[in-house]
């Protein structure tokens, strides 16, 4: 009787482990599928401020006579 109880207990533990493992695998597969279908963000070209050498997006840069600048103050300072 004692051995039967041990065998049943081992089967229950094994079954619980398999159920847990299956749920974990399904969740990981769902995460991978979500990552694959996520739209990619467009790559924005970067430029370097001619005065302070900070890298910034080209769309945020201000163009001046001596190059591109990160702010209006730097553009004025370089033009002076």
N, C-alpha and C. Protein backbone atom coordinates (compact mmCIF):
# COMPACT_ATOMS: atom_id res chain seq x y z
N UNK A 1 0.83 -1.20 0.00
CA UNK A 1 0.00 0.00 0.00
C UNK A 1 0.87 1.26 0.00
N UNK A 2 1.97 1.20 0.75
CA UNK A 2 2.87 2.34 0.85
C UNK A 2 3.49 2.65 -0.53
N UNK A 3 3.86 1.63 -1.28
CA UNK A 3 4.46 1.82 -2.60
C UNK A 3 3.46 2.38 -3.59
N UNK A 4 2.23 1.96 -3.48
CA UNK A 4 1.18 2.46 -4.36
C UNK A 4 0.98 3.97 -4.13
N UNK A 5 1.01 4.38 -2.89
CA UNK A 5 0.86 5.80 -2.55
C UNK A 5 2.03 6.61 -3.12
N UNK A 6 3.24 6.07 -3.02
CA UNK A 6 4.42 6.75 -3.56
C UNK A 6 4.33 6.87 -5.08
N UNK A 7 3.88 5.81 -5.74
CA UNK A 7 3.74 5.83 -7.20
C UNK A 7 2.68 6.85 -7.62
N UNK A 8 1.55 6.87 -6.94
CA UNK A 8 0.49 7.83 -7.27
C UNK A 8 0.98 9.26 -7.04
N UNK A 9 1.67 9.48 -5.95
CA UNK A 9 2.22 10.81 -5.66
C UNK A 9 3.22 11.23 -6.74
N UNK A 10 4.08 10.30 -7.17
CA UNK A 10 5.05 10.61 -8.23
C UNK A 10 4.35 10.93 -9.53
N UNK A 11 3.29 10.22 -9.87
CA UNK A 11 2.53 10.50 -11.09
C UNK A 11 1.85 11.86 -11.03
N UNK A 12 1.32 12.22 -9.88
CA UNK A 12 0.67 13.53 -9.74
C UNK A 12 1.70 14.64 -9.89
N UNK A 13 2.87 14.48 -9.28
CA UNK A 13 3.92 15.50 -9.40
C UNK A 13 4.38 15.61 -10.86
N UNK A 14 4.54 14.49 -11.53
CA UNK A 14 4.94 14.49 -12.94
C UNK A 14 3.88 15.17 -13.80
N UNK A 15 2.62 14.89 -13.56
CA UNK A 15 1.53 15.49 -14.32
C UNK A 15 1.50 17.01 -14.11
N UNK A 16 1.66 17.46 -12.86
CA UNK A 16 1.67 18.90 -12.58
C UNK A 16 2.86 19.58 -13.27
N UNK A 17 3.99 18.91 -13.28
CA UNK A 17 5.18 19.47 -13.94
C UNK A 17 4.93 19.62 -15.44
N UNK A 18 4.31 18.61 -16.06
CA UNK A 18 4.03 18.68 -17.50
C UNK A 18 3.04 19.77 -17.83
N UNK A 19 2.01 19.95 -17.03
CA UNK A 19 1.01 21.00 -17.26
C UNK A 19 1.68 22.37 -17.14
N UNK A 20 2.50 22.53 -16.12
CA UNK A 20 3.20 23.80 -15.94
C UNK A 20 4.14 24.07 -17.10
N UNK A 21 4.85 23.06 -17.54
CA UNK A 21 5.79 23.21 -18.65
C UNK A 21 5.05 23.57 -19.94
N UNK A 22 3.92 22.94 -20.17
CA UNK A 22 3.14 23.21 -21.39
C UNK A 22 2.64 24.65 -21.39
N UNK A 23 2.17 25.14 -20.25
CA UNK A 23 1.69 26.53 -20.17
C UNK A 23 2.84 27.50 -20.41
N UNK A 24 3.99 27.17 -19.84
CA UNK A 24 5.16 28.03 -20.03
C UNK A 24 5.55 28.08 -21.50
N UNK A 25 5.55 26.94 -22.18
CA UNK A 25 5.90 26.89 -23.60
C UNK A 25 4.89 27.65 -24.45
N UNK A 26 3.62 27.54 -24.14
CA UNK A 26 2.58 28.27 -24.89
C UNK A 26 2.73 29.77 -24.71
N UNK A 27 3.03 30.20 -23.48
CA UNK A 27 3.22 31.63 -23.23
C UNK A 27 4.45 32.16 -23.97
N UNK A 28 5.52 31.39 -23.98
CA UNK A 28 6.73 31.81 -24.69
C UNK A 28 6.47 31.88 -26.19
N UNK A 29 5.72 30.93 -26.71
CA UNK A 29 5.39 30.94 -28.13
C UNK A 29 4.52 32.15 -28.48
N UNK A 30 3.58 32.50 -27.61
CA UNK A 30 2.73 33.66 -27.84
C UNK A 30 3.56 34.95 -27.82
N UNK A 31 4.53 35.03 -26.91
CA UNK A 31 5.40 36.21 -26.85
C UNK A 31 6.23 36.33 -28.12
N UNK A 32 6.76 35.21 -28.61
CA UNK A 32 7.55 35.25 -29.85
C UNK A 32 6.69 35.68 -31.03
N UNK A 33 5.46 35.18 -31.08
CA UNK A 33 4.57 35.55 -32.18
C UNK A 33 4.22 37.03 -32.11
N UNK A 34 4.02 37.56 -30.92
CA UNK A 34 3.71 38.99 -30.76
C UNK A 34 4.90 39.84 -31.17
N UNK A 35 6.10 39.39 -30.83
CA UNK A 35 7.31 40.15 -31.21
C UNK A 35 7.52 40.14 -32.71
N UNK A 36 7.19 39.03 -33.37
CA UNK A 36 7.37 38.96 -34.82
C UNK A 36 6.38 39.85 -35.54
N UNK A 37 5.17 39.98 -35.01
CA UNK A 37 4.15 40.75 -35.71
C UNK A 37 4.17 42.23 -35.34
N UNK A 38 5.00 42.61 -34.38
CA UNK A 38 5.07 44.02 -33.98
C UNK A 38 5.70 44.84 -35.11
N UNK A 39 5.10 45.97 -35.45
CA UNK A 39 5.68 46.80 -36.51
C UNK A 39 7.00 47.41 -36.06
N UNK A 40 7.94 47.45 -36.97
CA UNK A 40 9.24 48.02 -36.64
C UNK A 40 9.19 49.53 -36.78
N UNK A 41 9.90 50.19 -35.89
CA UNK A 41 9.98 51.65 -35.96
C UNK A 41 10.97 52.03 -37.06
N UNK A 42 10.66 53.08 -37.80
CA UNK A 42 11.60 53.49 -38.85
C UNK A 42 12.90 54.01 -38.23
N UNK A 43 13.99 53.77 -38.91
CA UNK A 43 15.29 54.22 -38.42
C UNK A 43 15.44 55.70 -38.77
N UNK A 44 15.76 56.51 -37.77
CA UNK A 44 15.92 57.95 -37.96
C UNK A 44 17.41 58.26 -38.07
N UNK A 45 17.82 58.92 -39.13
CA UNK A 45 19.24 59.30 -39.24
C UNK A 45 19.62 60.30 -38.15
N UNK A 46 20.83 60.20 -37.67
CA UNK A 46 21.30 61.12 -36.63
C UNK A 46 22.39 62.01 -37.18
N UNK A 47 22.52 63.17 -36.56
CA UNK A 47 23.56 64.14 -36.91
C UNK A 47 24.24 64.58 -35.63
N UNK A 48 25.35 65.29 -35.78
CA UNK A 48 26.12 65.76 -34.63
C UNK A 48 26.11 67.28 -34.61
N UNK A 49 25.82 67.84 -33.44
CA UNK A 49 25.85 69.30 -33.29
C UNK A 49 27.27 69.78 -33.54
N UNK A 50 27.41 70.82 -34.36
CA UNK A 50 28.73 71.33 -34.72
C UNK A 50 29.42 72.00 -33.53
N UNK A 51 28.68 72.41 -32.52
CA UNK A 51 29.28 73.12 -31.40
C UNK A 51 29.59 72.21 -30.22
N UNK A 52 28.59 71.44 -29.77
CA UNK A 52 28.80 70.64 -28.55
C UNK A 52 28.99 69.15 -28.83
N UNK A 53 28.89 68.73 -30.07
CA UNK A 53 29.10 67.34 -30.50
C UNK A 53 28.08 66.34 -29.95
N UNK A 54 26.89 66.82 -29.62
CA UNK A 54 25.81 65.95 -29.17
C UNK A 54 25.15 65.32 -30.39
N UNK A 55 24.84 64.02 -30.31
CA UNK A 55 24.13 63.33 -31.39
C UNK A 55 22.63 63.52 -31.19
N UNK A 56 21.92 63.84 -32.26
CA UNK A 56 20.48 64.02 -32.19
C UNK A 56 19.85 63.64 -33.52
N UNK A 57 18.55 63.42 -33.48
CA UNK A 57 17.83 63.04 -34.70
C UNK A 57 17.90 64.17 -35.71
N UNK A 58 18.01 63.79 -36.96
CA UNK A 58 18.13 64.79 -38.02
C UNK A 58 16.88 65.67 -38.08
N UNK A 59 15.73 65.10 -37.74
CA UNK A 59 14.49 65.87 -37.79
C UNK A 59 14.43 66.94 -36.68
N UNK A 60 15.24 66.79 -35.62
CA UNK A 60 15.25 67.76 -34.52
C UNK A 60 16.36 68.79 -34.66
N UNK A 61 17.27 68.60 -35.61
CA UNK A 61 18.42 69.48 -35.75
C UNK A 61 18.04 70.79 -36.44
N UNK A 62 18.78 71.83 -36.12
CA UNK A 62 18.62 73.14 -36.75
C UNK A 62 19.83 73.37 -37.66
N UNK A 63 19.58 73.74 -38.89
CA UNK A 63 20.65 73.93 -39.86
C UNK A 63 21.13 75.38 -39.80
N UNK A 64 22.44 75.54 -39.77
CA UNK A 64 23.04 76.87 -39.76
C UNK A 64 24.13 76.96 -40.79
N UNK A 65 24.86 78.08 -40.80
CA UNK A 65 25.92 78.27 -41.79
C UNK A 65 27.09 77.30 -41.59
N UNK A 66 27.39 76.98 -40.34
CA UNK A 66 28.54 76.12 -40.05
C UNK A 66 28.20 74.65 -39.87
N UNK A 67 26.98 74.26 -40.14
CA UNK A 67 26.59 72.85 -39.99
C UNK A 67 25.22 72.75 -39.34
N UNK A 68 25.02 71.70 -38.57
CA UNK A 68 23.74 71.50 -37.88
C UNK A 68 23.97 71.67 -36.38
N UNK A 69 22.92 72.13 -35.70
CA UNK A 69 23.03 72.44 -34.28
C UNK A 69 21.86 71.83 -33.51
N UNK A 70 22.09 71.61 -32.22
CA UNK A 70 21.06 70.99 -31.38
C UNK A 70 20.05 71.99 -30.84
N UNK A 71 20.40 73.27 -30.84
CA UNK A 71 19.47 74.28 -30.32
C UNK A 71 19.70 75.61 -31.02
N UNK A 72 18.73 76.50 -30.85
CA UNK A 72 18.84 77.85 -31.44
C UNK A 72 20.00 78.60 -30.81
N UNK A 73 20.23 78.41 -29.52
CA UNK A 73 21.33 79.09 -28.83
C UNK A 73 22.68 78.68 -29.43
N UNK A 74 22.86 77.41 -29.72
CA UNK A 74 24.12 76.96 -30.30
C UNK A 74 24.27 77.47 -31.73
N UNK A 75 23.18 77.55 -32.46
CA UNK A 75 23.26 78.07 -33.83
C UNK A 75 23.67 79.54 -33.80
N UNK A 76 23.08 80.32 -32.87
CA UNK A 76 23.44 81.74 -32.76
C UNK A 76 24.87 81.90 -32.30
N UNK A 77 25.29 81.09 -31.32
CA UNK A 77 26.64 81.18 -30.79
C UNK A 77 27.69 80.87 -31.87
N UNK A 78 27.44 79.90 -32.69
CA UNK A 78 28.38 79.53 -33.76
C UNK A 78 28.41 80.59 -34.86
N UNK A 79 27.28 81.26 -35.07
CA UNK A 79 27.23 82.27 -36.13
C UNK A 79 27.84 83.59 -35.70
N UNK A 80 28.07 83.77 -34.43
CA UNK A 80 28.59 85.05 -33.94
C UNK A 80 30.06 85.20 -34.11
